[in-house]
Amino acid sequence: MAMSINWYSAGATAFVLFLALALVGTMFLLIKLSNDDSDKYKDLKEMVETIFGTPAHLRTGNAASQDDANKEAAAQSAAAVEAFAEPCPACGETVTEQHRDCPSCGLRLL
């Protein structure tokens, strides 16, 4: 049995190849637009970076605001810790919130 090519299979193959090339071309266009340094395509750039998995804290341009936010969060968490003085569970020495380790026995405090 000889293999014959009919117009239907040739048309379907051409359509699939056209669709694949269109998708590849669209991907290249999106990548090119997302690498643009201007803010013209800022929303598109954020969408592409989100889709392709670039975490927000690793994106360029937000480093200064991220550092400020981290410093503020650290200051708030330090202020949230209330002062206390309790005996060490191992040796009974008085420890405070400022001690990471017991000053007399070296026990790691949580």
C-alpha atoms as a PDB file:
ATOM      1  CA  MET A   1       0.000   0.000   0.000  1.00  0.00           C
ATOM      2  CA  ALA A   2       1.537   3.262  -1.101  1.00  0.00           C
ATOM      3  CA  MET A   3       1.369   6.234   1.189  1.00  0.00           C
ATOM      4  CA  SER A   4      -0.448   9.125  -0.348  1.00  0.00           C
ATOM      5  CA  ILE A   5      -0.653  12.715   0.781  1.00  0.00           C
ATOM      6  CA  ASN A   6      -4.026  14.319   0.482  1.00  0.00           C
ATOM      7  CA  TRP A   7      -4.831  18.010   0.774  1.00  0.00           C
ATOM      8  CA  TYR A   8      -6.387  17.559   4.210  1.00  0.00           C
ATOM      9  CA  SER A   9      -3.236  16.151   5.836  1.00  0.00           C
ATOM     10  CA  ALA A  10      -1.005  18.674   4.062  1.00  0.00           C
ATOM     11  CA  GLY A  11      -3.233  21.539   5.219  1.00  0.00           C
ATOM     12  CA  ALA A  12      -3.356  20.239   8.791  1.00  0.00           C
ATOM     13  CA  THR A  13       0.428  19.881   8.870  1.00  0.00           C
ATOM     14  CA  ALA A  14       0.904  23.394   7.507  1.00  0.00           C
ATOM     15  CA  PHE A  15      -1.555  24.774  10.077  1.00  0.00           C
ATOM     16  CA  VAL A  16       0.227  23.057  12.988  1.00  0.00           C
ATOM     17  CA  LEU A  17       3.628  24.280  11.782  1.00  0.00           C
ATOM     18  CA  PHE A  18       2.275  27.820  11.386  1.00  0.00           C
ATOM     19  CA  LEU A  19       0.772  27.696  14.887  1.00  0.00           C
ATOM     20  CA  ALA A  20       4.054  26.432  16.386  1.00  0.00           C
ATOM     21  CA  LEU A  21       6.079  29.151  14.655  1.00  0.00           C
ATOM     22  CA  ALA A  22       3.576  31.788  15.774  1.00  0.00           C
ATOM     23  CA  LEU A  23       3.906  30.637  19.395  1.00  0.00           C
ATOM     24  CA  VAL A  24       7.710  30.672  19.225  1.00  0.00           C
ATOM     25  CA  GLY A  25       7.625  34.140  17.654  1.00  0.00           C
ATOM     26  CA  THR A  26       5.274  35.370  20.381  1.00  0.00           C
ATOM     27  CA  MET A  27       7.609  34.019  23.052  1.00  0.00           C
ATOM     28  CA  PHE A  28      10.574  35.835  21.504  1.00  0.00           C
ATOM     29  CA  LEU A  29       8.534  39.043  21.316  1.00  0.00           C
ATOM     30  CA  LEU A  30       7.499  38.780  24.971  1.00  0.00           C
ATOM     31  CA  ILE A  31      11.076  38.148  26.058  1.00  0.00           C
ATOM     32  CA  LYS A  32      12.355  41.072  24.007  1.00  0.00           C
ATOM     33  CA  LEU A  33       9.697  43.388  25.425  1.00  0.00           C
ATOM     34  CA  SER A  34      10.355  42.207  28.980  1.00  0.00           C
ATOM     35  CA  ASN A  35      14.058  43.046  28.635  1.00  0.00           C
ATOM     36  CA  ASP A  36      13.285  46.631  27.661  1.00  0.00           C
ATOM     37  CA  ASP A  37      14.730  48.996  30.279  1.00  0.00           C
ATOM     38  CA  SER A  38      12.093  51.675  29.828  1.00  0.00           C
ATOM     39  CA  ASP A  39       8.923  51.634  31.883  1.00  0.00           C
ATOM     40  CA  LYS A  40       6.841  51.433  28.725  1.00  0.00           C
ATOM     41  CA  TYR A  41       6.099  47.732  29.200  1.00  0.00           C
ATOM     42  CA  LYS A  42       6.396  47.584  32.996  1.00  0.00           C
ATOM     43  CA  ASP A  43       3.193  45.572  33.502  1.00  0.00           C
ATOM     44  CA  LEU A  44       4.148  43.103  30.791  1.00  0.00           C
ATOM     45  CA  LYS A  45       7.632  42.740  32.280  1.00  0.00           C
ATOM     46  CA  GLU A  46       6.210  41.995  35.734  1.00  0.00           C
ATOM     47  CA  MET A  47       3.812  39.448  34.244  1.00  0.00           C
ATOM     48  CA  VAL A  48       6.589  37.660  32.333  1.00  0.00           C
ATOM     49  CA  GLU A  49       8.869  37.638  35.372  1.00  0.00           C
ATOM     50  CA  THR A  50       6.061  36.207  37.474  1.00  0.00           C
ATOM     51  CA  ILE A  51       5.272  33.511  34.915  1.00  0.00           C
ATOM     52  CA  PHE A  52       8.898  32.477  34.435  1.00  0.00           C
ATOM     53  CA  GLY A  53       9.523  32.383  38.167  1.00  0.00           C
ATOM     54  CA  THR A  54      11.780  35.317  38.985  1.00  0.00           C
ATOM     55  CA  PRO A  55      10.989  36.016  42.637  1.00  0.00           C
ATOM     56  CA  ALA A  56      10.075  39.594  43.467  1.00  0.00           C
ATOM     57  CA  HIS A  57      12.993  39.997  45.883  1.00  0.00           C
ATOM     58  CA  LEU A  58      15.473  39.062  43.108  1.00  0.00           C
ATOM     59  CA  ARG A  59      14.117  41.523  40.551  1.00  0.00           C
ATOM     60  CA  THR A  60      16.209  44.577  39.771  1.00  0.00           C
ATOM     61  CA  GLY A  61      15.025  48.056  40.639  1.00  0.00           C
ATOM     62  CA  ASN A  62      13.492  47.167  43.997  1.00  0.00           C
ATOM     63  CA  ALA A  63      16.721  46.625  45.942  1.00  0.00           C
ATOM     64  CA  ALA A  64      16.637  49.911  47.863  1.00  0.00           C
ATOM     65  CA  SER A  65      12.992  49.576  48.815  1.00  0.00           C
ATOM     66  CA  GLN A  66      13.524  45.934  49.791  1.00  0.00           C
ATOM     67  CA  ASP A  67      16.463  46.847  52.056  1.00  0.00           C
ATOM     68  CA  ASP A  68      14.407  49.567  53.734  1.00  0.00           C
ATOM     69  CA  ALA A  69      11.503  47.180  54.209  1.00  0.00           C
ATOM     70  CA  ASN A  70      13.812  44.520  55.692  1.00  0.00           C
ATOM     71  CA  LYS A  71      15.331  47.030  58.135  1.00  0.00           C
ATOM     72  CA  GLU A  72      11.890  48.217  59.224  1.00  0.00           C
ATOM     73  CA  ALA A  73      10.697  44.635  59.699  1.00  0.00           C
ATOM     74  CA  ALA A  74      13.764  43.798  61.794  1.00  0.00           C
ATOM     75  CA  ALA A  75      13.236  46.885  63.944  1.00  0.00           C
ATOM     76  CA  GLN A  76       9.577  46.024  64.481  1.00  0.00           C
ATOM     77  CA  SER A  77      10.338  42.413  65.377  1.00  0.00           C
ATOM     78  CA  ALA A  78      13.032  43.513  67.834  1.00  0.00           C
ATOM     79  CA  ALA A  79      10.616  45.984  69.405  1.00  0.00           C
ATOM     80  CA  ALA A  80       7.920  43.311  69.599  1.00  0.00           C
ATOM     81  CA  VAL A  81      10.051  41.128  71.904  1.00  0.00           C
ATOM     82  CA  GLU A  82       9.118  42.024  75.441  1.00  0.00           C
ATOM     83  CA  ALA A  83      11.762  42.277  78.118  1.00  0.00           C
ATOM     84  CA  PHE A  84      11.988  39.287  80.435  1.00  0.00           C
ATOM     85  CA  ALA A  85      14.342  37.784  82.985  1.00  0.00           C
ATOM     86  CA  GLU A  86      14.004  34.062  83.684  1.00  0.00           C
ATOM     87  CA  PRO A  87      16.235  31.359  85.093  1.00  0.00           C
ATOM     88  CA  CYS A  88      18.122  29.158  82.633  1.00  0.00           C
ATOM     89  CA  PRO A  89      16.465  25.710  82.449  1.00  0.00           C
ATOM     90  CA  ALA A  90      19.857  23.973  82.698  1.00  0.00           C
ATOM     91  CA  CYS A  91      21.799  25.872  85.359  1.00  0.00           C
ATOM     92  CA  GLY A  92      19.397  28.393  86.911  1.00  0.00           C
ATOM     93  CA  GLU A  93      21.420  31.495  85.890  1.00  0.00           C
ATOM     94  CA  THR A  94      19.228  34.514  85.094  1.00  0.00           C
ATOM     95  CA  VAL A  95      18.928  35.137  81.347  1.00  0.00           C
ATOM     96  CA  THR A  96      17.176  37.951  79.468  1.00  0.00           C
ATOM     97  CA  GLU A  97      15.799  38.450  75.946  1.00  0.00           C
ATOM     98  CA  GLN A  98      19.216  39.754  74.890  1.00  0.00           C
ATOM     99  CA  HIS A  99      20.969  36.441  75.551  1.00  0.00           C
ATOM    100  CA  ARG A 100      21.104  33.940  72.696  1.00  0.00           C
ATOM    101  CA  ASP A 101      23.116  31.541  74.848  1.00  0.00           C
ATOM    102  CA  CYS A 102      23.215  31.155  78.592  1.00  0.00           C
ATOM    103  CA  PRO A 103      26.223  33.131  79.910  1.00  0.00           C
ATOM    104  CA  SER A 104      27.209  30.462  82.451  1.00  0.00           C
ATOM    105  CA  CYS A 105      26.481  27.078  80.815  1.00  0.00           C
ATOM    106  CA  GLY A 106      26.271  27.995  77.104  1.00  0.00           C
ATOM    107  CA  LEU A 107      22.813  26.477  76.540  1.00  0.00           C
ATOM    108  CA  ARG A 108      21.243  27.733  73.305  1.00  0.00           C
ATOM    109  CA  LEU A 109      18.074  29.661  74.158  1.00  0.00           C
ATOM    110  CA  LEU A 110      15.104  29.949  71.820  1.00  0.00           C
END
